[in-house]
Amino acid sequence: MNDEITIRLATLDDEKYLISWLLDADVLRWFPMCNEREVRDATRIWISYAKQEAVLLAEINKKPCGIANLYIQASQKLKHQCLFAIIVDKQYRGKGVGTKLLLELMKRAKEQFHIELLHLEVYEGNPAMRLYEKLGFKHYGFHKNFLKEGPGQYRGKYFMQKAL
């Protein structure tokens, strides 16, 4: 029997899931934060977009397994485009959660927020890049040595976008 993936609007109370996922070292390596204080600061900003109905939570059997958000722009000249972020709990990867979450996020971006261009930033080596490419996101730039992971250790960042 296949478990059904459901998508719902996230609430401010869902911040606890985001924090727990980001505090996992295997997840955190793909984000620019490096400690609990930075994670909590970032999640406060991320989940604040739930007030605008711009954060979606994926569940399997009512258990949260992924989250994605749109960083909606307040400036009129920037409202046509939007950065997004996504996390899928590592035990649910490869099960269609990321695909379903992103398809619903793109639909919401276009229909509710009238976004014309959706973009993301992803660090080199991140396996999620295959998902973004599969869904039609194209590379438009690369920032070498963007993230410093240790003395003399850097990771570059790709920029990807998709017209909606």
C-alpha atoms as a PDB file:
ATOM      1  CA  MET A   1       0.000   0.000   0.000  1.00  0.00           C
ATOM      2  CA  ASN A   2       1.369   3.420  -1.014  1.00  0.00           C
ATOM      3  CA  ASP A   3       1.344   6.184   1.532  1.00  0.00           C
ATOM      4  CA  GLU A   4      -0.432   9.267   0.240  1.00  0.00           C
ATOM      5  CA  ILE A   5       1.450  12.541   0.283  1.00  0.00           C
ATOM      6  CA  THR A   6      -0.746  15.442   1.311  1.00  0.00           C
ATOM      7  CA  ILE A   7       0.143  19.106   1.128  1.00  0.00           C
ATOM      8  CA  ARG A   8      -1.296  21.740   3.441  1.00  0.00           C
ATOM      9  CA  LEU A   9      -0.612  25.332   4.367  1.00  0.00           C
ATOM     10  CA  ALA A  10       1.968  25.520   7.121  1.00  0.00           C
ATOM     11  CA  THR A  11       1.277  27.345  10.357  1.00  0.00           C
ATOM     12  CA  LEU A  12       3.603  29.152  12.729  1.00  0.00           C
ATOM     13  CA  ASP A  13       3.450  26.033  14.935  1.00  0.00           C
ATOM     14  CA  ASP A  14       5.183  24.034  12.178  1.00  0.00           C
ATOM     15  CA  GLU A  15       8.425  25.894  12.864  1.00  0.00           C
ATOM     16  CA  LYS A  16       9.460  23.042  15.197  1.00  0.00           C
ATOM     17  CA  TYR A  17       9.687  20.634  12.227  1.00  0.00           C
ATOM     18  CA  LEU A  18      11.778  23.059  10.227  1.00  0.00           C
ATOM     19  CA  ILE A  19      14.146  23.549  13.178  1.00  0.00           C
ATOM     20  CA  SER A  20      14.515  19.802  13.747  1.00  0.00           C
ATOM     21  CA  TRP A  21      15.263  19.140  10.066  1.00  0.00           C
ATOM     22  CA  LEU A  22      17.808  21.954   9.840  1.00  0.00           C
ATOM     23  CA  LEU A  23      19.594  20.847  13.015  1.00  0.00           C
ATOM     24  CA  ASP A  24      20.342  17.502  11.332  1.00  0.00           C
ATOM     25  CA  ALA A  25      23.948  17.797  10.131  1.00  0.00           C
ATOM     26  CA  ASP A  26      23.156  15.995   6.841  1.00  0.00           C
ATOM     27  CA  VAL A  27      20.528  18.653   6.036  1.00  0.00           C
ATOM     28  CA  LEU A  28      22.327  21.651   7.480  1.00  0.00           C
ATOM     29  CA  ARG A  29      25.323  21.133   5.193  1.00  0.00           C
ATOM     30  CA  TRP A  30      23.139  22.356   2.290  1.00  0.00           C
ATOM     31  CA  PHE A  31      22.194  25.605   4.046  1.00  0.00           C
ATOM     32  CA  PRO A  32      24.319  28.603   5.071  1.00  0.00           C
ATOM     33  CA  MET A  33      23.633  28.334   8.812  1.00  0.00           C
ATOM     34  CA  CYS A  34      26.137  26.624  11.100  1.00  0.00           C
ATOM     35  CA  ASN A  35      24.679  26.514  14.624  1.00  0.00           C
ATOM     36  CA  GLU A  36      21.389  26.428  16.522  1.00  0.00           C
ATOM     37  CA  ARG A  37      21.177  30.213  16.947  1.00  0.00           C
ATOM     38  CA  GLU A  38      21.554  30.766  13.196  1.00  0.00           C
ATOM     39  CA  VAL A  39      19.031  28.002  12.454  1.00  0.00           C
ATOM     40  CA  ARG A  40      16.478  29.542  14.819  1.00  0.00           C
ATOM     41  CA  ASP A  41      16.973  33.009  13.279  1.00  0.00           C
ATOM     42  CA  ALA A  42      16.535  31.628   9.760  1.00  0.00           C
ATOM     43  CA  THR A  43      13.490  29.510  10.626  1.00  0.00           C
ATOM     44  CA  ARG A  44      11.786  32.496  12.243  1.00  0.00           C
ATOM     45  CA  ILE A  45      12.049  34.335   8.926  1.00  0.00           C
ATOM     46  CA  TRP A  46      11.091  31.279   6.849  1.00  0.00           C
ATOM     47  CA  ILE A  47       7.978  30.411   8.868  1.00  0.00           C
ATOM     48  CA  SER A  48       6.861  34.064   9.044  1.00  0.00           C
ATOM     49  CA  TYR A  49       5.737  33.676   5.408  1.00  0.00           C
ATOM     50  CA  ALA A  50       3.031  31.305   6.683  1.00  0.00           C
ATOM     51  CA  LYS A  51       1.080  34.461   7.596  1.00  0.00           C
ATOM     52  CA  GLN A  52       0.866  35.164   3.847  1.00  0.00           C
ATOM     53  CA  GLU A  53      -0.037  31.534   3.071  1.00  0.00           C
ATOM     54  CA  ALA A  54       3.302  31.160   1.300  1.00  0.00           C
ATOM     55  CA  VAL A  55       4.617  28.116   3.218  1.00  0.00           C
ATOM     56  CA  LEU A  56       3.512  24.558   2.428  1.00  0.00           C
ATOM     57  CA  LEU A  57       3.983  21.453   4.558  1.00  0.00           C
ATOM     58  CA  ALA A  58       4.014  17.920   3.132  1.00  0.00           C
ATOM     59  CA  GLU A  59       2.713  15.037   5.209  1.00  0.00           C
ATOM     60  CA  ILE A  60       2.567  11.268   4.855  1.00  0.00           C
ATOM     61  CA  ASN A  61       0.028   9.614   7.141  1.00  0.00           C
ATOM     62  CA  LYS A  62      -0.308  12.985   8.951  1.00  0.00           C
ATOM     63  CA  LYS A  63       3.429  12.972   9.746  1.00  0.00           C
ATOM     64  CA  PRO A  64       5.284  16.085   8.517  1.00  0.00           C
ATOM     65  CA  CYS A  65       7.918  15.119   5.971  1.00  0.00           C
ATOM     66  CA  GLY A  66       8.787  18.287   4.042  1.00  0.00           C
ATOM     67  CA  ILE A  67       8.339  22.029   3.859  1.00  0.00           C
ATOM     68  CA  ALA A  68       8.762  24.685   1.186  1.00  0.00           C
ATOM     69  CA  ASN A  69       8.263  28.416   1.145  1.00  0.00           C
ATOM     70  CA  LEU A  70       8.056  31.392  -1.137  1.00  0.00           C
ATOM     71  CA  TYR A  71       9.964  34.503  -0.067  1.00  0.00           C
ATOM     72  CA  ILE A  72       7.254  36.889  -1.273  1.00  0.00           C
ATOM     73  CA  GLN A  73       8.577  40.337  -2.159  1.00  0.00           C
ATOM     74  CA  ALA A  74       7.001  43.457  -0.700  1.00  0.00           C
ATOM     75  CA  SER A  75       8.408  45.808  -3.364  1.00  0.00           C
ATOM     76  CA  GLN A  76       6.097  46.246  -6.355  1.00  0.00           C
ATOM     77  CA  LYS A  77       8.998  46.092  -8.825  1.00  0.00           C
ATOM     78  CA  LEU A  78      10.062  42.705  -7.464  1.00  0.00           C
ATOM     79  CA  LYS A  79       6.683  40.982  -6.994  1.00  0.00           C
ATOM     80  CA  HIS A  80       6.912  39.199 -10.369  1.00  0.00           C
ATOM     81  CA  GLN A  81       9.782  36.987  -9.137  1.00  0.00           C
ATOM     82  CA  CYS A  82      10.381  34.934  -6.040  1.00  0.00           C
ATOM     83  CA  LEU A  83      13.067  32.924  -4.297  1.00  0.00           C
ATOM     84  CA  PHE A  84      11.980  29.662  -2.695  1.00  0.00           C
ATOM     85  CA  ALA A  85      13.453  27.107  -0.305  1.00  0.00           C
ATOM     86  CA  ILE A  86      12.584  23.475   0.362  1.00  0.00           C
ATOM     87  CA  ILE A  87      13.517  20.713   2.801  1.00  0.00           C
ATOM     88  CA  VAL A  88      12.431  17.087   2.675  1.00  0.00           C
ATOM     89  CA  ASP A  89      13.028  14.927   5.749  1.00  0.00           C
ATOM     90  CA  LYS A  90      15.876  12.577   4.802  1.00  0.00           C
ATOM     91  CA  GLN A  91      13.847   9.423   5.549  1.00  0.00           C
ATOM     92  CA  TYR A  92      11.246  10.498   2.961  1.00  0.00           C
ATOM     93  CA  ARG A  93      13.557  11.446   0.093  1.00  0.00           C
ATOM     94  CA  GLY A  94      13.065   9.621  -3.186  1.00  0.00           C
ATOM     95  CA  LYS A  95       9.366   9.017  -2.464  1.00  0.00           C
ATOM     96  CA  GLY A  96       7.928  11.916  -4.500  1.00  0.00           C
ATOM     97  CA  VAL A  97       7.582  14.335  -1.573  1.00  0.00           C
ATOM     98  CA  GLY A  98       9.862  16.996  -3.078  1.00  0.00           C
ATOM     99  CA  THR A  99       8.199  16.747  -6.489  1.00  0.00           C
ATOM    100  CA  LYS A 100       4.675  17.044  -5.082  1.00  0.00           C
ATOM    101  CA  LEU A 101       5.681  19.869  -2.758  1.00  0.00           C
ATOM    102  CA  LEU A 102       7.375  21.856  -5.530  1.00  0.00           C
ATOM    103  CA  LEU A 103       4.550  21.330  -8.023  1.00  0.00           C
ATOM    104  CA  GLU A 104       2.055  22.662  -5.473  1.00  0.00           C
ATOM    105  CA  LEU A 105       4.400  25.538  -4.577  1.00  0.00           C
ATOM    106  CA  MET A 106       4.746  26.507  -8.258  1.00  0.00           C
ATOM    107  CA  LYS A 107       0.976  26.368  -8.727  1.00  0.00           C
ATOM    108  CA  ARG A 108       0.434  28.581  -5.674  1.00  0.00           C
ATOM    109  CA  ALA A 109       3.185  30.976  -6.784  1.00  0.00           C
ATOM    110  CA  LYS A 110       1.539  31.468 -10.168  1.00  0.00           C
ATOM    111  CA  GLU A 111      -2.136  31.427  -9.225  1.00  0.00           C
ATOM    112  CA  GLN A 112      -2.179  33.158  -5.840  1.00  0.00           C
ATOM    113  CA  PHE A 113       0.864  35.422  -5.979  1.00  0.00           C
ATOM    114  CA  HIS A 114       1.125  35.976  -9.774  1.00  0.00           C
ATOM    115  CA  ILE A 115       4.810  35.034  -9.763  1.00  0.00           C
ATOM    116  CA  GLU A 116       6.296  34.921 -13.257  1.00  0.00           C
ATOM    117  CA  LEU A 117       9.806  33.744 -12.378  1.00  0.00           C
ATOM    118  CA  LEU A 118      10.696  31.330  -9.593  1.00  0.00           C
ATOM    119  CA  HIS A 119      14.337  30.986  -8.602  1.00  0.00           C
ATOM    120  CA  LEU A 120      16.537  29.154  -6.139  1.00  0.00           C
ATOM    121  CA  GLU A 121      20.075  28.887  -4.883  1.00  0.00           C
ATOM    122  CA  VAL A 122      21.637  25.458  -4.441  1.00  0.00           C
ATOM    123  CA  TYR A 123      25.137  24.501  -3.316  1.00  0.00           C
ATOM    124  CA  GLU A 124      27.286  22.409  -5.600  1.00  0.00           C
ATOM    125  CA  GLY A 125      27.034  18.711  -4.905  1.00  0.00           C
ATOM    126  CA  ASN A 126      23.479  18.918  -3.540  1.00  0.00           C
ATOM    127  CA  PRO A 127      21.548  15.906  -4.883  1.00  0.00           C
ATOM    128  CA  ALA A 128      18.330  17.996  -4.929  1.00  0.00           C
ATOM    129  CA  MET A 129      19.650  19.648  -8.101  1.00  0.00           C
ATOM    130  CA  ARG A 130      18.336  16.645 -10.073  1.00  0.00           C
ATOM    131  CA  LEU A 131      14.812  17.393  -8.835  1.00  0.00           C
ATOM    132  CA  TYR A 132      15.060  21.040  -9.852  1.00  0.00           C
ATOM    133  CA  GLU A 133      16.342  20.110 -13.309  1.00  0.00           C
ATOM    134  CA  LYS A 134      13.601  17.473 -13.701  1.00  0.00           C
ATOM    135  CA  LEU A 135      10.991  20.153 -12.961  1.00  0.00           C
ATOM    136  CA  GLY A 136      12.421  22.489 -15.591  1.00  0.00           C
ATOM    137  CA  PHE A 137      14.662  24.828 -13.610  1.00  0.00           C
ATOM    138  CA  LYS A 138      17.639  26.092 -15.634  1.00  0.00           C
ATOM    139  CA  HIS A 139      21.060  27.218 -14.444  1.00  0.00           C
ATOM    140  CA  TYR A 140      21.785  30.902 -14.933  1.00  0.00           C
ATOM    141  CA  GLY A 141      24.867  31.462 -12.825  1.00  0.00           C
ATOM    142  CA  PHE A 142      27.474  30.093 -10.457  1.00  0.00           C
ATOM    143  CA  HIS A 143      29.189  31.767  -7.504  1.00  0.00           C
ATOM    144  CA  LYS A 144      32.501  30.015  -6.862  1.00  0.00           C
ATOM    145  CA  ASN A 145      33.692  29.695  -3.245  1.00  0.00           C
ATOM    146  CA  PHE A 146      30.419  31.094  -1.876  1.00  0.00           C
ATOM    147  CA  LEU A 147      30.244  29.003   1.296  1.00  0.00           C
ATOM    148  CA  LYS A 148      33.273  28.578   3.553  1.00  0.00           C
ATOM    149  CA  GLU A 149      33.107  25.162   5.180  1.00  0.00           C
ATOM    150  CA  GLY A 150      36.487  25.244   6.891  1.00  0.00           C
ATOM    151  CA  PRO A 151      40.051  26.457   6.410  1.00  0.00           C
ATOM    152  CA  GLY A 152      40.645  26.373   2.663  1.00  0.00           C
ATOM    153  CA  GLN A 153      37.373  24.490   2.049  1.00  0.00           C
ATOM    154  CA  TYR A 154      34.710  26.181  -0.039  1.00  0.00           C
ATOM    155  CA  ARG A 155      31.527  25.225  -1.855  1.00  0.00           C
ATOM    156  CA  GLY A 156      30.098  27.069  -4.822  1.00  0.00           C
ATOM    157  CA  LYS A 157      26.461  28.060  -5.271  1.00  0.00           C
ATOM    158  CA  TYR A 158      24.361  27.586  -8.419  1.00  0.00           C
ATOM    159  CA  PHE A 159      21.519  29.894  -9.351  1.00  0.00           C
ATOM    160  CA  MET A 160      18.531  28.279 -11.091  1.00  0.00           C
ATOM    161  CA  GLN A 161      15.220  29.660 -12.334  1.00  0.00           C
ATOM    162  CA  LYS A 162      12.017  28.724 -14.077  1.00  0.00           C
ATOM    163  CA  ALA A 163       9.428  30.856 -15.827  1.00  0.00           C
ATOM    164  CA  LEU A 164       5.935  29.995 -14.616  1.00  0.00           C
END
